[in-house]
N, C-alpha and C. Protein backbone atom coordinates (compact mmCIF):
# COMPACT_ATOMS: atom_id res chain seq x y z
N MET A 1 20.91 -8.98 -13.25
CA MET A 1 21.12 -8.55 -11.94
C MET A 1 22.46 -9.08 -11.52
N THR A 2 23.29 -8.21 -11.02
CA THR A 2 24.64 -8.73 -10.59
C THR A 2 24.58 -9.24 -9.15
N GLN A 3 25.72 -9.86 -8.79
CA GLN A 3 25.79 -10.48 -7.46
C GLN A 3 25.58 -9.45 -6.35
N PRO A 4 26.22 -8.32 -6.33
CA PRO A 4 25.97 -7.35 -5.29
C PRO A 4 24.43 -6.92 -5.23
N ASP A 5 23.82 -6.90 -6.27
CA ASP A 5 22.36 -6.56 -6.28
C ASP A 5 21.53 -7.56 -5.55
N VAL A 6 21.90 -8.89 -5.81
CA VAL A 6 21.22 -9.94 -5.06
C VAL A 6 21.40 -9.87 -3.62
N PHE A 7 22.72 -9.58 -3.25
CA PHE A 7 23.06 -9.45 -1.81
C PHE A 7 22.33 -8.25 -1.19
N ASP A 8 22.29 -7.12 -1.93
CA ASP A 8 21.57 -5.99 -1.43
C ASP A 8 20.06 -6.31 -1.22
N GLN A 9 19.53 -7.00 -2.16
CA GLN A 9 18.06 -7.39 -2.01
C GLN A 9 17.80 -8.27 -0.89
N LYS A 10 18.70 -9.21 -0.62
CA LYS A 10 18.58 -10.11 0.54
C LYS A 10 18.73 -9.29 1.83
N VAL A 11 19.67 -8.35 1.92
CA VAL A 11 19.85 -7.56 3.10
C VAL A 11 18.58 -6.65 3.32
N LEU A 12 18.08 -6.09 2.24
CA LEU A 12 16.89 -5.26 2.35
C LEU A 12 15.70 -6.09 2.80
N ASP A 13 15.48 -7.29 2.30
CA ASP A 13 14.39 -8.11 2.73
C ASP A 13 14.56 -8.48 4.20
N GLN A 14 15.79 -8.83 4.64
CA GLN A 14 16.06 -9.17 6.03
C GLN A 14 15.79 -7.99 6.98
N ASN A 15 16.16 -6.80 6.57
CA ASN A 15 15.89 -5.66 7.31
C ASN A 15 14.40 -5.43 7.50
N ILE A 16 13.64 -5.59 6.45
CA ILE A 16 12.20 -5.48 6.52
C ILE A 16 11.61 -6.48 7.51
N ARG A 17 12.06 -7.71 7.37
CA ARG A 17 11.53 -8.76 8.29
C ARG A 17 11.82 -8.49 9.66
N ASP A 18 13.03 -8.10 9.96
CA ASP A 18 13.48 -7.72 11.26
C ASP A 18 12.66 -6.58 11.92
N LEU A 19 12.45 -5.55 11.17
CA LEU A 19 11.66 -4.44 11.63
C LEU A 19 10.20 -4.81 11.91
N GLN A 20 9.64 -5.63 11.06
CA GLN A 20 8.29 -6.16 11.23
C GLN A 20 8.22 -6.96 12.53
N GLU A 21 9.19 -7.82 12.70
CA GLU A 21 9.18 -8.65 13.88
C GLU A 21 9.35 -7.82 15.15
N TRP A 22 10.21 -6.80 15.10
CA TRP A 22 10.40 -5.94 16.27
C TRP A 22 9.13 -5.27 16.62
N LEU A 23 8.44 -4.72 15.62
CA LEU A 23 7.15 -4.04 15.84
C LEU A 23 6.06 -5.01 16.43
N ARG A 24 6.03 -6.28 15.99
CA ARG A 24 5.08 -7.26 16.50
C ARG A 24 5.41 -7.47 17.94
N LYS A 25 6.62 -7.60 18.27
CA LYS A 25 6.94 -7.84 19.72
C LYS A 25 6.75 -6.61 20.56
N ALA A 26 6.90 -5.45 20.01
CA ALA A 26 6.65 -4.19 20.72
C ALA A 26 5.19 -4.03 21.05
N TRP A 27 4.34 -4.45 20.14
CA TRP A 27 2.90 -4.34 20.37
C TRP A 27 2.60 -5.32 21.56
N GLN A 28 3.10 -6.48 21.59
CA GLN A 28 2.90 -7.41 22.60
C GLN A 28 3.26 -6.84 23.94
N GLN A 29 4.50 -6.22 23.97
CA GLN A 29 5.06 -5.71 25.16
C GLN A 29 4.22 -4.51 25.60
N LEU A 30 3.65 -3.74 24.69
CA LEU A 30 2.88 -2.56 25.01
C LEU A 30 1.54 -3.03 25.81
N ALA A 31 1.14 -4.26 25.50
CA ALA A 31 -0.13 -4.71 26.17
C ALA A 31 0.14 -5.15 27.63
N ASP A 32 1.41 -5.16 28.04
CA ASP A 32 1.77 -5.60 29.44
C ASP A 32 1.21 -4.50 30.41
N PRO A 33 0.33 -4.91 31.32
CA PRO A 33 -0.15 -3.91 32.27
C PRO A 33 0.79 -3.46 33.27
N SER A 34 1.98 -4.10 33.44
CA SER A 34 2.94 -3.74 34.48
C SER A 34 3.87 -2.53 33.99
N LEU A 35 3.73 -2.16 32.73
CA LEU A 35 4.52 -1.06 32.24
C LEU A 35 4.13 0.27 32.86
N THR A 36 5.13 1.04 33.16
CA THR A 36 4.83 2.34 33.71
C THR A 36 4.43 3.28 32.58
N ALA A 37 3.91 4.43 32.90
CA ALA A 37 3.52 5.38 31.88
C ALA A 37 4.79 5.84 31.09
N PHE A 38 5.83 6.08 31.80
CA PHE A 38 7.11 6.47 31.08
C PHE A 38 7.55 5.40 30.14
N SER A 39 7.58 4.12 30.54
CA SER A 39 7.91 3.03 29.73
C SER A 39 7.07 2.91 28.50
N ARG A 40 5.76 3.06 28.66
CA ARG A 40 4.88 3.04 27.56
C ARG A 40 5.21 4.13 26.53
N ARG A 41 5.44 5.36 27.05
CA ARG A 41 5.71 6.52 26.21
C ARG A 41 6.99 6.22 25.38
N GLU A 42 7.98 5.77 26.07
CA GLU A 42 9.23 5.46 25.43
C GLU A 42 9.12 4.38 24.39
N LEU A 43 8.33 3.33 24.72
CA LEU A 43 8.11 2.28 23.74
C LEU A 43 7.39 2.73 22.56
N ARG A 44 6.36 3.55 22.72
CA ARG A 44 5.61 4.22 21.59
C ARG A 44 6.53 5.08 20.77
N ASN A 45 7.44 5.79 21.34
CA ASN A 45 8.34 6.65 20.63
C ASN A 45 9.33 5.77 19.75
N GLN A 46 9.71 4.61 20.34
CA GLN A 46 10.56 3.73 19.57
C GLN A 46 9.85 3.07 18.44
N MET A 47 8.58 2.76 18.71
CA MET A 47 7.72 2.17 17.72
C MET A 47 7.53 3.10 16.48
N LYS A 48 7.35 4.43 16.77
CA LYS A 48 7.22 5.45 15.78
C LYS A 48 8.44 5.48 14.93
N GLN A 49 9.60 5.47 15.58
CA GLN A 49 10.90 5.46 14.78
C GLN A 49 11.06 4.23 13.95
N CYS A 50 10.77 3.06 14.59
CA CYS A 50 10.83 1.79 13.81
C CYS A 50 9.89 1.81 12.63
N ASN A 51 8.73 2.34 12.83
CA ASN A 51 7.73 2.43 11.77
C ASN A 51 8.20 3.27 10.60
N ALA A 52 8.87 4.39 10.93
CA ALA A 52 9.48 5.32 9.93
C ALA A 52 10.61 4.55 9.18
N ASP A 53 11.39 3.84 9.95
CA ASP A 53 12.53 3.06 9.28
C ASP A 53 11.93 1.95 8.38
N LEU A 54 10.83 1.34 8.78
CA LEU A 54 10.26 0.32 8.04
C LEU A 54 9.68 0.88 6.69
N ARG A 55 9.09 2.09 6.80
CA ARG A 55 8.53 2.72 5.62
C ARG A 55 9.58 3.00 4.60
N VAL A 56 10.80 3.54 5.10
CA VAL A 56 11.88 3.83 4.31
C VAL A 56 12.38 2.51 3.56
N GLN A 57 12.46 1.50 4.28
CA GLN A 57 12.97 0.21 3.72
C GLN A 57 11.96 -0.30 2.64
N LEU A 58 10.71 -0.20 2.93
CA LEU A 58 9.70 -0.71 2.03
C LEU A 58 9.66 0.14 0.80
N GLN A 59 9.91 1.46 0.88
CA GLN A 59 9.96 2.30 -0.29
C GLN A 59 11.20 2.00 -1.15
N ALA A 60 12.29 1.69 -0.48
CA ALA A 60 13.53 1.30 -1.19
C ALA A 60 13.30 -0.04 -1.93
N ALA A 61 12.63 -0.96 -1.26
CA ALA A 61 12.27 -2.23 -1.95
C ALA A 61 11.39 -2.06 -3.14
N SER A 62 10.37 -1.12 -2.97
CA SER A 62 9.47 -0.85 -4.13
C SER A 62 10.21 -0.27 -5.27
N LYS A 63 11.09 0.72 -5.01
CA LYS A 63 11.83 1.32 -6.04
C LYS A 63 12.71 0.37 -6.76
N ARG A 64 13.34 -0.57 -6.00
CA ARG A 64 14.24 -1.56 -6.55
C ARG A 64 13.38 -2.51 -7.57
N MET A 65 12.19 -2.89 -7.07
CA MET A 65 11.40 -3.79 -7.85
C MET A 65 10.90 -3.05 -9.20
N LEU A 66 10.63 -1.84 -9.05
CA LEU A 66 10.13 -1.08 -10.27
C LEU A 66 11.32 -0.88 -11.22
N ALA A 67 12.47 -0.78 -10.74
CA ALA A 67 13.71 -0.55 -11.60
C ALA A 67 14.17 -1.78 -12.30
N GLN A 68 13.75 -2.95 -11.83
CA GLN A 68 14.21 -4.17 -12.48
C GLN A 68 13.51 -4.41 -13.75
N PRO A 69 14.23 -4.85 -14.82
CA PRO A 69 13.48 -5.16 -16.07
C PRO A 69 12.67 -6.46 -15.94
N ALA A 70 11.66 -6.57 -16.78
CA ALA A 70 10.76 -7.76 -16.66
C ALA A 70 11.63 -8.97 -16.99
N ALA A 71 11.51 -9.99 -16.14
CA ALA A 71 12.30 -11.15 -16.35
C ALA A 71 11.58 -12.27 -17.12
N SER A 72 10.51 -11.87 -17.77
CA SER A 72 9.72 -12.89 -18.50
C SER A 72 10.50 -13.28 -19.82
N GLY A 73 11.30 -12.41 -20.37
CA GLY A 73 11.98 -12.71 -21.63
C GLY A 73 11.19 -12.34 -22.84
N ARG A 74 9.95 -12.05 -22.62
CA ARG A 74 9.08 -11.71 -23.73
C ARG A 74 9.21 -10.19 -24.01
N THR A 75 9.29 -9.84 -25.23
CA THR A 75 9.24 -8.39 -25.54
C THR A 75 8.08 -8.11 -26.43
N PHE A 76 7.58 -7.04 -26.35
CA PHE A 76 6.36 -6.67 -27.17
C PHE A 76 6.81 -5.70 -28.23
N ALA A 77 7.48 -6.31 -29.26
CA ALA A 77 7.88 -5.53 -30.43
C ALA A 77 6.91 -5.75 -31.59
N LYS A 78 7.01 -4.92 -32.59
CA LYS A 78 6.06 -5.00 -33.73
C LYS A 78 6.37 -6.30 -34.46
N PRO A 79 5.38 -7.19 -34.58
CA PRO A 79 5.59 -8.45 -35.27
C PRO A 79 5.79 -8.24 -36.78
N ALA A 80 6.54 -9.17 -37.34
CA ALA A 80 6.73 -9.12 -38.76
C ALA A 80 5.60 -9.93 -39.40
N LEU A 81 4.67 -9.15 -40.06
CA LEU A 81 3.46 -9.71 -40.73
C LEU A 81 3.76 -9.84 -42.17
N ARG A 82 3.10 -10.89 -42.73
CA ARG A 82 3.10 -11.06 -44.23
C ARG A 82 1.66 -11.08 -44.73
N ILE A 83 1.41 -10.64 -45.85
CA ILE A 83 0.10 -10.73 -46.49
C ILE A 83 0.14 -11.92 -47.36
N LEU A 84 -0.80 -12.83 -47.19
CA LEU A 84 -0.93 -14.06 -47.96
C LEU A 84 -1.99 -13.86 -48.96
N ALA A 85 -1.65 -14.15 -50.20
CA ALA A 85 -2.69 -14.05 -51.27
C ALA A 85 -3.38 -15.31 -51.62
């Protein structure tokens, strides 16, 4: 993994955490009884957009993880066997 890949992964992880935190706070704000119907509708629309953005970020992270080679260092090649008499 090259240095830009590590940076991209950190940025992707930070974006996911930020979107999750925003949604958490939006749910708390949605519970506020002083919100008007218009404000609730606007907040729900923003939450839908944020949810879609989060889904895209999570799919990108999933693709990145699947594309990475196994870091275990073990390969499953055909072993060299000998017949002992």
